[in-house]
Amino acid sequence: MKLLNQYGIEIDKSNPPSIVYADTKILKICIHNYAGCGKEWYLSIPDIGIQEKDLKTEDFTEALENAKKIVIKRFAVIREEIEKFTR
């Protein structure tokens, strides 16, 4: 998956900007940090209820891995809810 800056240009993972978007057609995935709050990374995916989730790292590569784990867990919960609905 491509990672893009706020202008839609693919980023260099070794020097990411403060706001990074995943190039996906379904979800708006944003990994970002806040000006004045250090270099800690956060995850926001409003469509699945994730807002400013602290990824607990300043390392971008580690932030991507943490974000992936959070998204996988969230979709597992969503799948469980769908299964309850269809019973």
C-alpha atoms as a PDB file:
ATOM      1  CA  MET A   1       0.000   0.000   0.000  1.00  0.00           C
ATOM      2  CA  LYS A   2       1.272   3.448  -0.869  1.00  0.00           C
ATOM      3  CA  LEU A   3       1.672   6.062   1.823  1.00  0.00           C
ATOM      4  CA  LEU A   4       0.898   9.615   0.763  1.00  0.00           C
ATOM      5  CA  ASN A   5       1.389  13.116   2.113  1.00  0.00           C
ATOM      6  CA  GLN A   6      -1.479  15.596   2.394  1.00  0.00           C
ATOM      7  CA  TYR A   7      -1.030  16.498  -1.288  1.00  0.00           C
ATOM      8  CA  GLY A   8      -1.362  12.902  -2.518  1.00  0.00           C
ATOM      9  CA  ILE A   9       2.343  12.439  -3.237  1.00  0.00           C
ATOM     10  CA  GLU A  10       4.011   9.199  -2.163  1.00  0.00           C
ATOM     11  CA  ILE A  11       6.262   9.703   0.859  1.00  0.00           C
ATOM     12  CA  ASP A  12       9.756   8.561   1.789  1.00  0.00           C
ATOM     13  CA  LYS A  13       9.243   6.343   4.861  1.00  0.00           C
ATOM     14  CA  SER A  14      12.659   7.293   6.206  1.00  0.00           C
ATOM     15  CA  ASN A  15      11.601  10.959   6.432  1.00  0.00           C
ATOM     16  CA  PRO A  16       7.803  11.079   6.793  1.00  0.00           C
ATOM     17  CA  PRO A  17       5.829  14.314   7.050  1.00  0.00           C
ATOM     18  CA  SER A  18       3.692  14.957  10.142  1.00  0.00           C
ATOM     19  CA  ILE A  19       0.534  13.711   8.367  1.00  0.00           C
ATOM     20  CA  VAL A  20       0.536  10.503   6.321  1.00  0.00           C
ATOM     21  CA  TYR A  21      -2.416   8.879   4.551  1.00  0.00           C
ATOM     22  CA  ALA A  22      -2.720   5.298   3.350  1.00  0.00           C
ATOM     23  CA  ASP A  23      -3.756   5.026  -0.285  1.00  0.00           C
ATOM     24  CA  THR A  24      -6.965   3.050   0.121  1.00  0.00           C
ATOM     25  CA  LYS A  25     -10.252   3.374  -1.705  1.00  0.00           C
ATOM     26  CA  ILE A  26     -12.468   2.345   1.216  1.00  0.00           C
ATOM     27  CA  LEU A  27     -11.106   3.862   4.427  1.00  0.00           C
ATOM     28  CA  LYS A  28      -9.493   7.193   5.225  1.00  0.00           C
ATOM     29  CA  ILE A  29      -6.469   6.019   7.239  1.00  0.00           C
ATOM     30  CA  CYS A  30      -4.289   8.739   8.712  1.00  0.00           C
ATOM     31  CA  ILE A  31      -1.121   8.366  10.779  1.00  0.00           C
ATOM     32  CA  HIS A  32      -0.077  11.693  12.196  1.00  0.00           C
ATOM     33  CA  ASN A  33       1.571  13.631  14.973  1.00  0.00           C
ATOM     34  CA  TYR A  34       0.660  16.945  16.557  1.00  0.00           C
ATOM     35  CA  ALA A  35       2.639  20.155  16.280  1.00  0.00           C
ATOM     36  CA  GLY A  36       3.987  21.103  19.674  1.00  0.00           C
ATOM     37  CA  CYS A  37       3.370  17.638  21.164  1.00  0.00           C
ATOM     38  CA  GLY A  38       6.615  15.909  20.270  1.00  0.00           C
ATOM     39  CA  LYS A  39       7.061  13.274  17.592  1.00  0.00           C
ATOM     40  CA  GLU A  40       4.670  10.650  18.983  1.00  0.00           C
ATOM     41  CA  TRP A  41       2.525   9.102  16.215  1.00  0.00           C
ATOM     42  CA  TYR A  42      -1.279   8.707  16.316  1.00  0.00           C
ATOM     43  CA  LEU A  43      -3.804   6.782  14.231  1.00  0.00           C
ATOM     44  CA  SER A  44      -7.165   8.064  13.008  1.00  0.00           C
ATOM     45  CA  ILE A  45      -9.693   6.071  10.973  1.00  0.00           C
ATOM     46  CA  PRO A  46     -13.052   7.772  11.590  1.00  0.00           C
ATOM     47  CA  ASP A  47     -15.029   5.242   9.522  1.00  0.00           C
ATOM     48  CA  ILE A  48     -14.320   2.471  12.036  1.00  0.00           C
ATOM     49  CA  GLY A  49     -14.325   4.553  15.212  1.00  0.00           C
ATOM     50  CA  ILE A  50     -10.602   5.106  15.704  1.00  0.00           C
ATOM     51  CA  GLN A  51      -9.768   8.712  16.600  1.00  0.00           C
ATOM     52  CA  GLU A  52      -6.317   9.924  17.617  1.00  0.00           C
ATOM     53  CA  LYS A  53      -5.218   6.535  18.960  1.00  0.00           C
ATOM     54  CA  ASP A  54      -1.756   6.906  20.485  1.00  0.00           C
ATOM     55  CA  LEU A  55       0.642   4.527  18.715  1.00  0.00           C
ATOM     56  CA  LYS A  56       3.092   4.909  21.617  1.00  0.00           C
ATOM     57  CA  THR A  57       6.195   5.483  19.509  1.00  0.00           C
ATOM     58  CA  GLU A  58       8.166   8.192  17.772  1.00  0.00           C
ATOM     59  CA  ASP A  59       9.524   5.703  15.212  1.00  0.00           C
ATOM     60  CA  PHE A  60       7.472   5.783  12.004  1.00  0.00           C
ATOM     61  CA  THR A  61       8.131   2.152  11.020  1.00  0.00           C
ATOM     62  CA  GLU A  62       7.082   0.988  14.466  1.00  0.00           C
ATOM     63  CA  ALA A  63       4.034   3.261  14.280  1.00  0.00           C
ATOM     64  CA  LEU A  64       2.965   1.530  11.046  1.00  0.00           C
ATOM     65  CA  GLU A  65       3.253  -1.892  12.722  1.00  0.00           C
ATOM     66  CA  ASN A  66       1.303  -0.719  15.778  1.00  0.00           C
ATOM     67  CA  ALA A  67      -1.370   0.788  13.530  1.00  0.00           C
ATOM     68  CA  LYS A  68      -1.697  -2.496  11.642  1.00  0.00           C
ATOM     69  CA  LYS A  69      -2.239  -4.416  14.897  1.00  0.00           C
ATOM     70  CA  ILE A  70      -4.889  -1.930  16.058  1.00  0.00           C
ATOM     71  CA  VAL A  71      -6.761  -2.132  12.737  1.00  0.00           C
ATOM     72  CA  ILE A  72      -6.697  -5.944  12.743  1.00  0.00           C
ATOM     73  CA  LYS A  73      -8.135  -6.007  16.287  1.00  0.00           C
ATOM     74  CA  ARG A  74     -10.814  -3.450  15.380  1.00  0.00           C
ATOM     75  CA  PHE A  75     -11.922  -5.458  12.346  1.00  0.00           C
ATOM     76  CA  ALA A  76     -12.106  -8.605  14.492  1.00  0.00           C
ATOM     77  CA  VAL A  77     -14.544  -6.764  16.777  1.00  0.00           C
ATOM     78  CA  ILE A  78     -16.517  -5.536  13.767  1.00  0.00           C
ATOM     79  CA  ARG A  79     -16.675  -9.086  12.381  1.00  0.00           C
ATOM     80  CA  GLU A  80     -17.971 -10.392  15.733  1.00  0.00           C
ATOM     81  CA  GLU A  81     -20.690  -7.730  15.734  1.00  0.00           C
ATOM     82  CA  ILE A  82     -21.710  -8.656  12.194  1.00  0.00           C
ATOM     83  CA  GLU A  83     -21.892 -12.336  13.164  1.00  0.00           C
ATOM     84  CA  LYS A  84     -24.171 -11.438  16.112  1.00  0.00           C
ATOM     85  CA  PHE A  85     -26.369  -9.424  13.780  1.00  0.00           C
ATOM     86  CA  THR A  86     -26.723 -12.271  11.274  1.00  0.00           C
ATOM     87  CA  ARG A  87     -27.610 -14.978  13.805  1.00  0.00           C
END
